[in-house]
Amino acid sequence: MPVTSTTALQNEATLAFAHVRRIKQFYVYLTHHVVVTTMLFIVNILTSTAYIWAVWRALGWRGGVVSQALAIFDKVPFLTAD
């Protein structure tokens, strides 16, 4: 069965919606990262200023955020599903 232009447009629309959904999920993830990291820094400062342990947690999670951003925004081709 040959692909009609309507079917091709529907496939492109489905792919576009999926990409937009992944971008939205990334921004939710990024917001969680910012909120949780800020709360950890506040707890760290309120309990002890001798050692800032929250920075290690922030750096570790930031690596995940960066790799997810690179994959979603197609900056590194081998990280994408295509």
PDB file of N, CA and C in Angstrom:
ATOM      1  N   MET A   1       0.845  -1.169   0.000  1.00  0.00           N
ATOM      2  CA  MET A   1       0.000   0.000   0.000  1.00  0.00           C
ATOM      3  C   MET A   1       0.893   1.236   0.000  1.00  0.00           C
ATOM      4  N   PRO A   2       0.745   2.110  -0.985  1.00  0.00           N
ATOM      5  CA  PRO A   2       1.590   3.303  -1.052  1.00  0.00           C
ATOM      6  C   PRO A   2       1.218   4.308   0.042  1.00  0.00           C
ATOM      7  N   VAL A   3       2.237   5.023   0.490  1.00  0.00           N
ATOM      8  CA  VAL A   3       2.027   6.029   1.523  1.00  0.00           C
ATOM      9  C   VAL A   3       1.426   7.265   0.880  1.00  0.00           C
ATOM     10  N   THR A   4       0.286   7.662   1.361  1.00  0.00           N
ATOM     11  CA  THR A   4      -0.344   8.872   0.828  1.00  0.00           C
ATOM     12  C   THR A   4       0.195  10.082   1.554  1.00  0.00           C
ATOM     13  N   SER A   5      -0.061  11.243   0.996  1.00  0.00           N
ATOM     14  CA  SER A   5       0.437  12.460   1.631  1.00  0.00           C
ATOM     15  C   SER A   5      -0.220  12.684   2.986  1.00  0.00           C
ATOM     16  N   THR A   6      -1.476  12.252   3.123  1.00  0.00           N
ATOM     17  CA  THR A   6      -2.159  12.395   4.408  1.00  0.00           C
ATOM     18  C   THR A   6      -1.501  11.525   5.467  1.00  0.00           C
ATOM     19  N   THR A   7      -1.161  10.298   5.101  1.00  0.00           N
ATOM     20  CA  THR A   7      -0.502   9.400   6.041  1.00  0.00           C
ATOM     21  C   THR A   7       0.882   9.922   6.404  1.00  0.00           C
ATOM     22  N   ALA A   8       1.596  10.433   5.444  1.00  0.00           N
ATOM     23  CA  ALA A   8       2.921  10.989   5.700  1.00  0.00           C
ATOM     24  C   ALA A   8       2.823  12.191   6.633  1.00  0.00           C
ATOM     25  N   LEU A   9       1.825  13.035   6.422  1.00  0.00           N
ATOM     26  CA  LEU A   9       1.638  14.187   7.298  1.00  0.00           C
ATOM     27  C   LEU A   9       1.268  13.758   8.715  1.00  0.00           C
ATOM     28  N   GLN A  10       0.452  12.722   8.812  1.00  0.00           N
ATOM     29  CA  GLN A  10       0.083  12.222  10.130  1.00  0.00           C
ATOM     30  C   GLN A  10       1.298  11.642  10.858  1.00  0.00           C
ATOM     31  N   ASN A  11       2.154  10.954  10.122  1.00  0.00           N
ATOM     32  CA  ASN A  11       3.378  10.412  10.719  1.00  0.00           C
ATOM     33  C   ASN A  11       4.302  11.525  11.188  1.00  0.00           C
ATOM     34  N   GLU A  12       4.451  12.567  10.373  1.00  0.00           N
ATOM     35  CA  GLU A  12       5.288  13.699  10.760  1.00  0.00           C
ATOM     36  C   GLU A  12       4.706  14.417  11.969  1.00  0.00           C
ATOM     37  N   ALA A  13       3.380  14.557  12.003  1.00  0.00           N
ATOM     38  CA  ALA A  13       2.741  15.203  13.149  1.00  0.00           C
ATOM     39  C   ALA A  13       2.934  14.381  14.415  1.00  0.00           C
ATOM     40  N   THR A  14       2.840  13.074  14.303  1.00  0.00           N
ATOM     41  CA  THR A  14       3.046  12.190  15.451  1.00  0.00           C
ATOM     42  C   THR A  14       4.476  12.314  15.968  1.00  0.00           C
ATOM     43  N   LEU A  15       5.445  12.333  15.059  1.00  0.00           N
ATOM     44  CA  LEU A  15       6.845  12.504  15.467  1.00  0.00           C
ATOM     45  C   LEU A  15       7.082  13.861  16.108  1.00  0.00           C
ATOM     46  N   ALA A  16       6.466  14.906  15.547  1.00  0.00           N
ATOM     47  CA  ALA A  16       6.621  16.250  16.104  1.00  0.00           C
ATOM     48  C   ALA A  16       6.033  16.330  17.510  1.00  0.00           C
ATOM     49  N   PHE A  17       4.846  15.744  17.705  1.00  0.00           N
ATOM     50  CA  PHE A  17       4.235  15.747  19.031  1.00  0.00           C
ATOM     51  C   PHE A  17       5.085  14.973  20.033  1.00  0.00           C
ATOM     52  N   ALA A  18       5.662  13.866  19.607  1.00  0.00           N
ATOM     53  CA  ALA A  18       6.527  13.080  20.491  1.00  0.00           C
ATOM     54  C   ALA A  18       7.767  13.881  20.885  1.00  0.00           C
ATOM     55  N   HIS A  19       8.327  14.617  19.935  1.00  0.00           N
ATOM     56  CA  HIS A  19       9.506  15.439  20.228  1.00  0.00           C
ATOM     57  C   HIS A  19       9.151  16.559  21.198  1.00  0.00           C
ATOM     58  N   VAL A  20       8.018  17.193  20.981  1.00  0.00           N
ATOM     59  CA  VAL A  20       7.577  18.265  21.886  1.00  0.00           C
ATOM     60  C   VAL A  20       7.326  17.697  23.278  1.00  0.00           C
ATOM     61  N   ARG A  21       6.769  16.504  23.366  1.00  0.00           N
ATOM     62  CA  ARG A  21       6.533  15.859  24.655  1.00  0.00           C
ATOM     63  C   ARG A  21       7.858  15.602  25.375  1.00  0.00           C
ATOM     64  N   ARG A  22       8.881  15.142  24.633  1.00  0.00           N
ATOM     65  CA  ARG A  22      10.191  14.917  25.247  1.00  0.00           C
ATOM     66  C   ARG A  22      10.815  16.218  25.731  1.00  0.00           C
ATOM     67  N   ILE A  23      10.638  17.297  24.972  1.00  0.00           N
ATOM     68  CA  ILE A  23      11.160  18.600  25.392  1.00  0.00           C
ATOM     69  C   ILE A  23      10.461  19.064  26.665  1.00  0.00           C
ATOM     70  N   LYS A  24       9.147  18.886  26.711  1.00  0.00           N
ATOM     71  CA  LYS A  24       8.389  19.277  27.908  1.00  0.00           C
ATOM     72  C   LYS A  24       8.855  18.477  29.115  1.00  0.00           C
ATOM     73  N   GLN A  25       9.050  17.172  28.948  1.00  0.00           N
ATOM     74  CA  GLN A  25       9.526  16.331  30.044  1.00  0.00           C
ATOM     75  C   GLN A  25      10.913  16.766  30.507  1.00  0.00           C
ATOM     76  N   PHE A  26      11.758  17.213  29.573  1.00  0.00           N
ATOM     77  CA  PHE A  26      13.080  17.693  29.945  1.00  0.00           C
ATOM     78  C   PHE A  26      12.978  18.927  30.828  1.00  0.00           C
ATOM     79  N   TYR A  27      12.106  19.860  30.478  1.00  0.00           N
ATOM     80  CA  TYR A  27      11.973  21.075  31.281  1.00  0.00           C
ATOM     81  C   TYR A  27      11.380  20.779  32.657  1.00  0.00           C
ATOM     82  N   VAL A  28      10.512  19.794  32.760  1.00  0.00           N
ATOM     83  CA  VAL A  28      10.015  19.367  34.076  1.00  0.00           C
ATOM     84  C   VAL A  28      11.170  18.796  34.891  1.00  0.00           C
ATOM     85  N   TYR A  29      11.987  17.972  34.271  1.00  0.00           N
ATOM     86  CA  TYR A  29      13.155  17.388  34.922  1.00  0.00           C
ATOM     87  C   TYR A  29      14.131  18.484  35.358  1.00  0.00           C
ATOM     88  N   LEU A  30      14.350  19.463  34.497  1.00  0.00           N
ATOM     89  CA  LEU A  30      15.253  20.569  34.825  1.00  0.00           C
ATOM     90  C   LEU A  30      14.714  21.376  36.003  1.00  0.00           C
ATOM     91  N   THR A  31      13.410  21.606  36.029  1.00  0.00           N
ATOM     92  CA  THR A  31      12.800  22.331  37.139  1.00  0.00           C
ATOM     93  C   THR A  31      12.973  21.560  38.443  1.00  0.00           C
ATOM     94  N   HIS A  32      12.776  20.249  38.400  1.00  0.00           N
ATOM     95  CA  HIS A  32      12.989  19.424  39.597  1.00  0.00           C
ATOM     96  C   HIS A  32      14.437  19.538  40.062  1.00  0.00           C
ATOM     97  N   HIS A  33      15.350  19.516  39.131  1.00  0.00           N
ATOM     98  CA  HIS A  33      16.773  19.631  39.462  1.00  0.00           C
ATOM     99  C   HIS A  33      17.050  20.942  40.191  1.00  0.00           C
ATOM    100  N   VAL A  34      16.552  22.034  39.663  1.00  0.00           N
ATOM    101  CA  VAL A  34      16.801  23.346  40.262  1.00  0.00           C
ATOM    102  C   VAL A  34      16.181  23.441  41.655  1.00  0.00           C
ATOM    103  N   VAL A  35      14.946  22.987  41.800  1.00  0.00           N
ATOM    104  CA  VAL A  35      14.254  23.078  43.090  1.00  0.00           C
ATOM    105  C   VAL A  35      14.942  22.206  44.143  1.00  0.00           C
ATOM    106  N   VAL A  36      15.210  20.960  43.811  1.00  0.00           N
ATOM    107  CA  VAL A  36      15.819  20.044  44.783  1.00  0.00           C
ATOM    108  C   VAL A  36      17.230  20.497  45.139  1.00  0.00           C
ATOM    109  N   THR A  37      17.998  20.921  44.161  1.00  0.00           N
ATOM    110  CA  THR A  37      19.361  21.381  44.435  1.00  0.00           C
ATOM    111  C   THR A  37      19.347  22.618  45.322  1.00  0.00           C
ATOM    112  N   THR A  38      18.434  23.538  45.066  1.00  0.00           N
ATOM    113  CA  THR A  38      18.323  24.730  45.905  1.00  0.00           C
ATOM    114  C   THR A  38      17.966  24.354  47.337  1.00  0.00           C
ATOM    115  N   MET A  39      17.019  23.431  47.489  1.00  0.00           N
ATOM    116  CA  MET A  39      16.638  22.988  48.833  1.00  0.00           C
ATOM    117  C   MET A  39      17.808  22.314  49.550  1.00  0.00           C
ATOM    118  N   LEU A  40      18.587  21.518  48.816  1.00  0.00           N
ATOM    119  CA  LEU A  40      19.736  20.866  49.437  1.00  0.00           C
ATOM    120  C   LEU A  40      20.793  21.871  49.883  1.00  0.00           C
ATOM    121  N   PHE A  41      21.012  22.899  49.081  1.00  0.00           N
ATOM    122  CA  PHE A  41      21.966  23.931  49.482  1.00  0.00           C
ATOM    123  C   PHE A  41      21.476  24.677  50.716  1.00  0.00           C
ATOM    124  N   ILE A  42      20.175  24.932  50.790  1.00  0.00           N
ATOM    125  CA  ILE A  42      19.621  25.607  51.968  1.00  0.00           C
ATOM    126  C   ILE A  42      19.796  24.742  53.211  1.00  0.00           C
ATOM    127  N   VAL A  43      19.471  23.455  53.090  1.00  0.00           N
ATOM    128  CA  VAL A  43      19.655  22.538  54.225  1.00  0.00           C
ATOM    129  C   VAL A  43      21.126  22.465  54.605  1.00  0.00           C
ATOM    130  N   ASN A  44      22.000  22.413  53.630  1.00  0.00           N
ATOM    131  CA  ASN A  44      23.439  22.341  53.897  1.00  0.00           C
ATOM    132  C   ASN A  44      23.925  23.590  54.625  1.00  0.00           C
ATOM    133  N   ILE A  45      23.498  24.757  54.189  1.00  0.00           N
ATOM    134  CA  ILE A  45      23.943  26.005  54.811  1.00  0.00           C
ATOM    135  C   ILE A  45      23.367  26.136  56.226  1.00  0.00           C
ATOM    136  N   LEU A  46      22.109  25.714  56.404  1.00  0.00           N
ATOM    137  CA  LEU A  46      21.485  25.832  57.729  1.00  0.00           C
ATOM    138  C   LEU A  46      22.065  24.849  58.741  1.00  0.00           C
ATOM    139  N   THR A  47      22.505  23.699  58.296  1.00  0.00           N
ATOM    140  CA  THR A  47      23.012  22.696  59.238  1.00  0.00           C
ATOM    141  C   THR A  47      24.512  22.815  59.477  1.00  0.00           C
ATOM    142  N   SER A  48      25.276  23.076  58.440  1.00  0.00           N
ATOM    143  CA  SER A  48      26.724  23.149  58.606  1.00  0.00           C
ATOM    144  C   SER A  48      27.342  23.893  57.435  1.00  0.00           C
ATOM    145  N   THR A  49      28.100  24.921  57.747  1.00  0.00           N
ATOM    146  CA  THR A  49      28.795  25.651  56.683  1.00  0.00           C
ATOM    147  C   THR A  49      30.254  25.229  56.575  1.00  0.00           C
ATOM    148  N   ALA A  50      30.673  24.292  57.420  1.00  0.00           N
ATOM    149  CA  ALA A  50      32.065  23.853  57.393  1.00  0.00           C
ATOM    150  C   ALA A  50      32.380  23.086  56.110  1.00  0.00           C
ATOM    151  N   TYR A  51      31.426  22.303  55.631  1.00  0.00           N
ATOM    152  CA  TYR A  51      31.642  21.522  54.409  1.00  0.00           C
ATOM    153  C   TYR A  51      30.387  21.606  53.552  1.00  0.00           C
ATOM    154  N   ILE A  52      30.539  22.071  52.342  1.00  0.00           N
ATOM    155  CA  ILE A  52      29.405  22.206  51.422  1.00  0.00           C
ATOM    156  C   ILE A  52      29.295  20.916  50.609  1.00  0.00           C
ATOM    157  N   TRP A  53      28.538  19.966  51.141  1.00  0.00           N
ATOM    158  CA  TRP A  53      28.377  18.674  50.486  1.00  0.00           C
ATOM    159  C   TRP A  53      27.375  18.713  49.336  1.00  0.00           C
ATOM    160  N   ALA A  54      26.491  19.693  49.325  1.00  0.00           N
ATOM    161  CA  ALA A  54      25.441  19.763  48.300  1.00  0.00           C
ATOM    162  C   ALA A  54      26.024  19.995  46.908  1.00  0.00           C
ATOM    163  N   VAL A  55      27.224  20.541  46.842  1.00  0.00           N
ATOM    164  CA  VAL A  55      27.823  20.800  45.532  1.00  0.00           C
ATOM    165  C   VAL A  55      28.088  19.500  44.781  1.00  0.00           C
ATOM    166  N   TRP A  56      28.455  18.428  45.490  1.00  0.00           N
ATOM    167  CA  TRP A  56      28.715  17.149  44.828  1.00  0.00           C
ATOM    168  C   TRP A  56      27.443  16.551  44.258  1.00  0.00           C
ATOM    169  N   ARG A  57      26.375  16.680  44.998  1.00  0.00           N
ATOM    170  CA  ARG A  57      25.069  16.204  44.518  1.00  0.00           C
ATOM    171  C   ARG A  57      24.631  17.002  43.294  1.00  0.00           C
ATOM    172  N   ALA A  58      24.838  18.313  43.337  1.00  0.00           N
ATOM    173  CA  ALA A  58      24.447  19.180  42.225  1.00  0.00           C
ATOM    174  C   ALA A  58      25.262  18.864  40.969  1.00  0.00           C
ATOM    175  N   LEU A  59      26.551  18.660  41.123  1.00  0.00           N
ATOM    176  CA  LEU A  59      27.401  18.358  39.961  1.00  0.00           C
ATOM    177  C   LEU A  59      27.048  17.012  39.351  1.00  0.00           C
ATOM    178  N   GLY A  60      26.765  16.032  40.182  1.00  0.00           N
ATOM    179  CA  GLY A  60      26.393  14.715  39.664  1.00  0.00           C
ATOM    180  C   GLY A  60      25.098  14.752  38.881  1.00  0.00           C
ATOM    181  N   TRP A  61      24.105  15.406  39.429  1.00  0.00           N
ATOM    182  CA  TRP A  61      22.819  15.483  38.749  1.00  0.00           C
ATOM    183  C   TRP A  61      22.923  16.354  37.497  1.00  0.00           C
ATOM    184  N   ARG A  62      23.759  17.378  37.553  1.00  0.00           N
ATOM    185  CA  ARG A  62      23.917  18.262  36.399  1.00  0.00           C
ATOM    186  C   ARG A  62      24.457  17.498  35.194  1.00  0.00           C
ATOM    187  N   GLY A  63      25.297  16.505  35.424  1.00  0.00           N
ATOM    188  CA  GLY A  63      25.786  15.673  34.321  1.00  0.00           C
ATOM    189  C   GLY A  63      24.649  14.958  33.610  1.00  0.00           C
ATOM    190  N   GLY A  64      23.686  14.458  34.369  1.00  0.00           N
ATOM    191  CA  GLY A  64      22.517  13.823  33.772  1.00  0.00           C
ATOM    192  C   GLY A  64      21.656  14.802  33.004  1.00  0.00           C
ATOM    193  N   VAL A  65      21.502  15.998  33.541  1.00  0.00           N
ATOM    194  CA  VAL A  65      20.706  17.027  32.859  1.00  0.00           C
ATOM    195  C   VAL A  65      21.357  17.407  31.535  1.00  0.00           C
ATOM    196  N   VAL A  66      22.660  17.575  31.543  1.00  0.00           N
ATOM    197  CA  VAL A  66      23.372  17.959  30.321  1.00  0.00           C
ATOM    198  C   VAL A  66      23.289  16.863  29.268  1.00  0.00           C
ATOM    199  N   SER A  67      23.475  15.605  29.673  1.00  0.00           N
ATOM    200  CA  SER A  67      23.406  14.533  28.686  1.00  0.00           C
ATOM    201  C   SER A  67      21.991  14.388  28.123  1.00  0.00           C
ATOM    202  N   GLN A  68      20.979  14.591  28.955  1.00  0.00           N
ATOM    203  CA  GLN A  68      19.603  14.528  28.464  1.00  0.00           C
ATOM    204  C   GLN A  68      19.325  15.686  27.503  1.00  0.00           C
ATOM    205  N   ALA A  69      19.823  16.869  27.822  1.00  0.00           N
ATOM    206  CA  ALA A  69      19.626  18.023  26.939  1.00  0.00           C
ATOM    207  C   ALA A  69      20.305  17.802  25.591  1.00  0.00           C
ATOM    208  N   LEU A  70      21.510  17.259  25.605  1.00  0.00           N
ATOM    209  CA  LEU A  70      22.216  16.993  24.352  1.00  0.00           C
ATOM    210  C   LEU A  70      21.451  15.998  23.488  1.00  0.00           C
ATOM    211  N   ALA A  71      20.864  15.001  24.106  1.00  0.00           N
ATOM    212  CA  ALA A  71      20.100  14.002  23.353  1.00  0.00           C
ATOM    213  C   ALA A  71      18.791  14.587  22.811  1.00  0.00           C
ATOM    214  N   ILE A  72      18.086  15.344  23.623  1.00  0.00           N
ATOM    215  CA  ILE A  72      16.779  15.865  23.205  1.00  0.00           C
ATOM    216  C   ILE A  72      16.915  16.924  22.125  1.00  0.00           C
ATOM    217  N   PHE A  73      17.895  17.799  22.269  1.00  0.00           N
ATOM    218  CA  PHE A  73      18.045  18.886  21.307  1.00  0.00           C
ATOM    219  C   PHE A  73      18.978  18.525  20.156  1.00  0.00           C
ATOM    220  N   ASP A  74      19.271  17.227  19.995  1.00  0.00           N
ATOM    221  CA  ASP A  74      20.037  16.691  18.862  1.00  0.00           C
ATOM    222  C   ASP A  74      21.406  17.352  18.673  1.00  0.00           C
ATOM    223  N   LYS A  75      22.099  17.583  19.753  1.00  0.00           N
ATOM    224  CA  LYS A  75      23.429  18.197  19.666  1.00  0.00           C
ATOM    225  C   LYS A  75      24.531  17.163  19.460  1.00  0.00           C
ATOM    226  N   VAL A  76      24.272  15.939  19.900  1.00  0.00           N
ATOM    227  CA  VAL A  76      25.224  14.842  19.727  1.00  0.00           C
ATOM    228  C   VAL A  76      24.479  13.726  19.021  1.00  0.00           C
ATOM    229  N   PRO A  77      24.775  13.463  17.747  1.00  0.00           N
ATOM    230  CA  PRO A  77      23.984  12.522  16.953  1.00  0.00           C
ATOM    231  C   PRO A  77      23.900  11.100  17.519  1.00  0.00           C
ATOM    232  N   PHE A  78      24.950  10.581  18.154  1.00  0.00           N
ATOM    233  CA  PHE A  78      24.905   9.206  18.611  1.00  0.00           C
ATOM    234  C   PHE A  78      24.059   9.018  19.877  1.00  0.00           C
ATOM    235  N   LEU A  79      23.590  10.111  20.488  1.00  0.00           N
ATOM    236  CA  LEU A  79      22.721  10.004  21.653  1.00  0.00           C
ATOM    237  C   LEU A  79      21.235   9.952  21.282  1.00  0.00           C
ATOM    238  N   THR A  80      20.913  10.214  20.034  1.00  0.00           N
ATOM    239  CA  THR A  80      19.517  10.218  19.608  1.00  0.00           C
ATOM    240  C   THR A  80      19.080   8.829  19.195  1.00  0.00           C
ATOM    241  N   ALA A  81      17.775   8.626  19.127  1.00  0.00           N
ATOM    242  CA  ALA A  81      17.222   7.312  18.793  1.00  0.00           C
ATOM    243  C   ALA A  81      17.220   7.051  17.281  1.00  0.00           C
ATOM    244  N   ASP A  82      17.344   8.070  16.484  1.00  0.00           N
ATOM    245  CA  ASP A  82      17.279   7.911  15.024  1.00  0.00           C
ATOM    246  C   ASP A  82      18.472   7.192  14.453  1.00  0.00           C
TER     247      ASP A  82
END
